[in-house]
Amino acid sequence: SLVVTENPVPGVTRIAINRPDKRNAISPDTRKELIDVLTNSLSDDAVNAIVMGSTDGHFCAGGDINSMVDLDVRSARVRMKENHRLVRVFAEAEKPIIAAVEGFAVGAGAGIALLCDTIFLSEGGSLGFPFFRVGLTPDYGILFTLTRRVGLAKARQILLFSKNLKGHDALKVGLADNVVKEGTAEEHAFACAEELAKMPPHAFALTKRHLAMEPQTLEEALEMEALSQALAFMGPEFEEGRLAFREKRKPKFR
């Protein structure tokens, strides 16, 4: 299988590209399988959180250059539309997705990591944006996600100079949320996934959708807030949270 999936922790699914001979680069077949696996996991009520893992010490070395041959403008556009199907599955996910990055997360691999809610990066791991080195422009939504994560000025320097940021350098500019010892990214990601899986799922989903709509005007943000909070007030999660607060215990939302 080009994509492996397992459930080592109840309620948490691990998904990882499985092409170690290619440093887990994404081929068209890999992309299709990843879309299917991710879609199934997000629609599975038994899955409360997802960890995007690394195989044989690497997260994803980007798109498979060898599969980018004999393209004209039309076929290249079709290819990108297929890539965008995967981007949208990540971007529209209402469950927690945590990236556990060991080794390379380059190009499309960096794009996938940036689409996750939280990034754990090993000290020797790196996020790279080498598009100009092969005569291409950034894809996988990177011009959108990178700018929102690190700001326009830093994103400009990272992309225009095709930078590769490792470990603490990535953390310093905001590319990663946590830097951990080599080989422990998934361990930390699973602990994070278990924590996020305990959050109220409906309120969590509403907040993720709200965050995805930013930046907005104040009026737009307040209107979205009024709609989402009204839904939350009417749901069982608020009832459980209110009772737990009154009874001075931890809420159980699932």
Protein backbone atom coordinates (compact mmCIF):
# COMPACT_ATOMS: atom_id res chain seq x y z
CA SER A 1 0.00 0.00 0.00
CA LEU A 2 1.22 3.51 -0.84
CA VAL A 3 -0.46 4.87 2.29
CA VAL A 4 -0.50 3.08 5.63
CA THR A 5 -3.17 3.53 8.25
CA GLU A 6 -3.42 2.10 11.76
CA ASN A 7 -5.07 2.77 15.11
CA PRO A 8 -2.40 2.34 17.80
CA VAL A 9 -4.40 4.50 20.22
CA PRO A 10 -8.20 4.19 20.63
CA GLY A 11 -9.93 6.99 18.76
CA VAL A 12 -6.76 8.15 17.00
CA THR A 13 -5.77 7.06 13.48
CA ARG A 14 -2.23 7.23 12.14
CA ILE A 15 -1.88 7.90 8.41
CA ALA A 16 1.46 7.96 6.60
CA ILE A 17 2.70 7.88 3.03
CA ASN A 18 4.58 4.63 2.45
CA ARG A 19 7.12 5.13 -0.33
CA PRO A 20 10.40 5.00 1.63
CA ASP A 21 12.46 4.41 -1.53
CA LYS A 22 11.20 7.82 -2.77
CA ARG A 23 11.37 9.54 0.64
CA ASN A 24 7.57 9.35 0.56
CA ALA A 25 7.17 11.60 -2.48
CA ILE A 26 3.62 11.89 -3.79
CA SER A 27 2.76 10.19 -7.07
CA PRO A 28 -0.71 10.43 -8.66
CA ASP A 29 -1.59 6.99 -7.25
CA THR A 30 -0.35 7.99 -3.79
CA ARG A 31 -2.43 11.14 -3.89
CA LYS A 32 -5.58 9.20 -4.80
CA GLU A 33 -5.01 6.67 -2.03
CA LEU A 34 -4.31 9.43 0.48
CA ILE A 35 -7.57 11.18 -0.46
CA ASP A 36 -9.52 7.95 0.03
CA VAL A 37 -7.87 7.03 3.36
CA LEU A 38 -8.20 10.53 4.79
CA THR A 39 -11.82 10.90 3.65
CA ASN A 40 -12.76 7.54 5.20
CA SER A 41 -11.04 8.40 8.49
CA LEU A 42 -12.75 11.78 8.72
CA SER A 43 -16.16 10.20 8.14
CA ASP A 44 -15.57 7.36 10.64
CA ASP A 45 -17.33 8.07 13.95
CA ALA A 46 -14.76 5.89 15.75
CA VAL A 47 -11.97 8.28 14.72
CA ASN A 48 -11.69 11.36 16.92
CA ALA A 49 -8.29 12.64 15.75
CA ILE A 50 -5.69 11.93 13.07
CA VAL A 51 -1.90 11.90 13.18
CA MET A 52 -0.08 12.37 9.86
CA GLY A 53 3.07 10.37 10.46
CA SER A 54 6.47 9.73 8.91
CA THR A 55 7.76 6.51 7.34
CA ASP A 56 11.40 5.45 7.61
CA GLY A 57 12.44 8.83 8.97
CA HIS A 58 10.72 11.09 6.43
CA PHE A 59 7.36 12.84 6.28
CA CYS A 60 7.10 13.64 2.55
CA ALA A 61 9.66 14.81 0.00
CA GLY A 62 7.02 16.57 -2.11
CA GLY A 63 5.67 15.68 -5.51
CA ASP A 64 7.34 12.86 -7.43
CA ILE A 65 9.31 14.70 -10.13
CA ASN A 66 9.45 11.55 -12.27
CA SER A 67 5.66 11.62 -12.59
CA MET A 68 5.71 15.20 -13.92
CA VAL A 69 6.50 14.38 -17.53
CA ASP A 70 4.79 15.01 -20.88
CA LEU A 71 2.52 17.67 -19.41
CA ASP A 72 0.88 20.38 -21.47
CA VAL A 73 -1.09 23.29 -20.01
CA ARG A 74 -4.34 21.33 -19.98
CA SER A 75 -2.96 18.17 -18.36
CA ALA A 76 -0.95 20.22 -15.87
CA ARG A 77 -4.12 22.05 -14.85
CA VAL A 78 -5.98 18.74 -14.46
CA ARG A 79 -3.12 17.47 -12.30
CA MET A 80 -3.31 20.53 -10.07
CA LYS A 81 -7.07 20.18 -9.73
CA GLU A 82 -6.50 16.65 -8.44
CA ASN A 83 -3.95 18.00 -5.96
CA HIS A 84 -6.55 20.52 -4.87
CA ARG A 85 -8.96 17.71 -4.03
CA LEU A 86 -6.46 16.56 -1.40
CA VAL A 87 -5.86 20.11 -0.17
CA ARG A 88 -9.59 20.59 0.34
CA VAL A 89 -9.97 17.36 2.31
CA PHE A 90 -7.36 18.63 4.76
CA ALA A 91 -8.64 22.21 4.78
CA GLU A 92 -12.28 21.23 5.35
CA ALA A 93 -11.55 18.59 8.01
CA GLU A 94 -13.53 19.23 11.19
CA LYS A 95 -11.51 16.78 13.28
CA PRO A 96 -8.05 17.46 14.73
CA ILE A 97 -5.14 16.60 12.41
CA ILE A 98 -1.62 16.67 13.84
CA ALA A 99 1.53 16.46 11.73
CA ALA A 100 4.46 14.46 13.11
CA VAL A 101 7.38 15.51 10.91
CA GLU A 102 10.63 13.58 10.84
CA GLY A 103 13.18 14.21 8.11
CA PHE A 104 11.92 16.01 5.02
CA ALA A 105 8.61 17.83 4.65
CA VAL A 106 9.40 19.50 1.35
CA GLY A 107 7.23 21.14 -1.30
CA ALA A 108 3.88 19.37 -1.24
CA GLY A 109 5.02 17.68 1.98
CA ALA A 110 5.42 21.07 3.62
CA GLY A 111 2.04 22.01 2.17
CA ILE A 112 0.39 19.01 3.84
CA ALA A 113 2.04 19.81 7.18
CA LEU A 114 0.82 23.42 6.97
CA LEU A 115 -2.74 22.18 6.42
CA CYS A 116 -2.66 20.35 9.76
CA ASP A 117 -3.78 21.93 13.03
CA THR A 118 -0.51 21.40 14.90
CA ILE A 119 3.01 20.55 13.70
CA PHE A 120 5.48 18.54 15.77
CA LEU A 121 8.91 18.74 14.12
CA SER A 122 11.93 16.68 15.11
CA GLU A 123 15.18 18.53 15.76
CA GLY A 124 16.63 17.20 12.52
CA GLY A 125 13.42 17.55 10.54
CA SER A 126 12.85 20.36 8.09
CA LEU A 127 10.16 22.15 6.12
CA GLY A 128 11.37 23.23 2.70
CA PHE A 129 10.02 25.27 -0.20
CA PRO A 130 12.33 24.52 -3.16
CA PHE A 131 9.86 25.27 -5.95
CA PHE A 132 12.08 27.73 -7.82
CA ARG A 133 14.91 25.19 -7.91
CA VAL A 134 12.85 23.07 -10.29
CA GLY A 135 11.25 26.00 -12.13
CA LEU A 136 7.85 25.79 -10.45
CA THR A 137 5.64 28.01 -8.32
CA PRO A 138 4.36 27.07 -4.83
CA ASP A 139 1.35 24.75 -4.76
CA TYR A 140 -0.73 22.74 -2.25
CA GLY A 141 -2.20 26.01 -0.98
CA ILE A 142 1.15 27.15 0.40
CA LEU A 143 0.77 30.79 -0.66
CA PHE A 144 -2.35 30.82 1.51
CA THR A 145 -1.33 28.67 4.49
CA LEU A 146 2.27 29.87 4.86
CA THR A 147 1.27 33.54 4.82
CA ARG A 148 -1.40 32.93 7.45
CA ARG A 149 1.03 31.00 9.63
CA VAL A 150 4.16 33.19 9.58
CA GLY A 151 2.96 36.49 8.09
CA LEU A 152 3.48 38.00 4.65
CA ALA A 153 6.99 39.37 5.20
CA LYS A 154 8.45 36.07 6.45
CA ALA A 155 6.54 34.05 3.86
CA ARG A 156 8.00 36.27 1.13
CA GLN A 157 11.56 35.59 2.28
CA ILE A 158 10.96 31.86 2.69
CA LEU A 159 9.40 31.41 -0.75
CA LEU A 160 11.48 33.83 -2.83
CA PHE A 161 14.73 32.39 -1.47
CA SER A 162 13.52 28.75 -1.62
CA LYS A 163 14.40 28.27 2.02
CA ASN A 164 14.61 25.01 3.93
CA LEU A 165 14.15 25.54 7.66
CA LYS A 166 15.24 22.89 10.12
CA GLY A 167 14.20 22.23 13.70
CA HIS A 168 14.50 25.27 15.93
CA ASP A 169 14.89 27.64 12.97
CA ALA A 170 11.45 26.54 11.78
CA LEU A 171 10.08 26.98 15.29
CA LYS A 172 11.56 30.47 15.55
CA VAL A 173 9.65 31.80 12.53
CA GLY A 174 6.44 29.95 13.43
CA LEU A 175 6.58 27.18 10.84
CA ALA A 176 6.44 24.52 13.54
CA ASP A 177 4.51 24.56 16.81
CA ASN A 178 6.81 22.22 18.72
CA VAL A 179 10.35 20.89 18.22
CA VAL A 180 11.09 17.52 19.80
CA LYS A 181 13.93 15.03 19.96
CA GLU A 182 14.73 13.03 16.87
CA GLY A 183 12.46 10.03 16.47
CA THR A 184 9.82 11.22 18.96
CA ALA A 185 7.59 13.40 16.77
CA GLU A 186 4.84 10.78 16.53
CA GLU A 187 4.96 10.04 20.26
CA HIS A 188 4.32 13.71 21.01
CA ALA A 189 1.75 13.99 18.22
CA PHE A 190 -0.28 11.10 19.64
CA ALA A 191 -0.31 12.68 23.10
CA CYS A 192 -1.56 15.89 21.49
CA ALA A 193 -4.16 13.99 19.44
CA GLU A 194 -5.50 12.27 22.56
CA GLU A 195 -5.83 15.66 24.24
CA LEU A 196 -7.64 17.24 21.28
CA ALA A 197 -9.86 14.17 20.92
CA LYS A 198 -11.32 14.97 24.35
CA MET A 199 -12.52 18.39 23.20
CA PRO A 200 -16.24 18.87 22.43
CA PRO A 201 -16.36 17.69 18.79
CA HIS A 202 -19.19 19.93 17.59
CA ALA A 203 -17.74 23.09 19.17
CA PHE A 204 -14.31 22.09 17.87
CA ALA A 205 -15.65 21.68 14.33
CA LEU A 206 -17.47 25.03 14.43
CA THR A 207 -14.32 26.78 15.64
CA LYS A 208 -12.18 25.20 12.92
CA ARG A 209 -14.62 26.40 10.29
CA HIS A 210 -14.61 29.88 11.81
CA LEU A 211 -10.79 29.97 11.82
CA ALA A 212 -10.75 28.87 8.18
CA MET A 213 -12.80 31.94 7.26
CA GLU A 214 -10.36 34.43 8.77
CA PRO A 215 -9.50 37.19 8.16
CA GLN A 216 -12.96 38.72 8.23
CA THR A 217 -14.37 42.09 9.07
CA LEU A 218 -15.49 42.48 12.68
CA GLU A 219 -19.14 42.37 11.63
CA GLU A 220 -18.64 39.14 9.68
CA ALA A 221 -16.77 37.58 12.59
CA LEU A 222 -19.47 38.57 15.06
CA GLU A 223 -22.23 37.21 12.83
CA MET A 224 -20.42 33.88 12.47
CA GLU A 225 -19.88 33.88 16.24
CA ALA A 226 -23.59 34.45 16.89
CA LEU A 227 -24.54 31.58 14.60
CA SER A 228 -21.99 29.07 15.90
CA GLN A 229 -22.51 29.94 19.58
CA ALA A 230 -26.30 29.65 19.21
CA LEU A 231 -25.81 26.13 17.84
CA ALA A 232 -23.39 25.30 20.67
CA PHE A 233 -25.83 26.55 23.34
CA MET A 234 -28.49 24.16 22.03
CA GLY A 235 -26.27 21.08 21.95
CA PRO A 236 -25.52 18.30 24.47
CA GLU A 237 -21.87 19.38 24.73
CA PHE A 238 -22.79 22.60 26.55
CA GLU A 239 -25.13 20.68 28.84
CA GLU A 240 -22.31 18.28 29.76
CA GLY A 241 -19.83 21.13 30.16
CA ARG A 242 -22.24 23.06 32.37
CA LEU A 243 -22.92 20.03 34.58
CA ALA A 244 -19.23 19.19 34.85
CA PHE A 245 -18.47 22.78 35.89
CA ARG A 246 -21.19 22.66 38.53
CA GLU A 247 -20.07 19.25 39.78
CA LYS A 248 -16.38 20.26 39.72
CA ARG A 249 -15.28 17.41 37.45
CA LYS A 250 -13.76 17.05 34.01
CA PRO A 251 -16.36 16.99 31.23
CA LYS A 252 -16.85 13.86 29.14
CA PHE A 253 -17.95 15.01 25.71
CA ARG A 254 -17.90 11.62 24.00
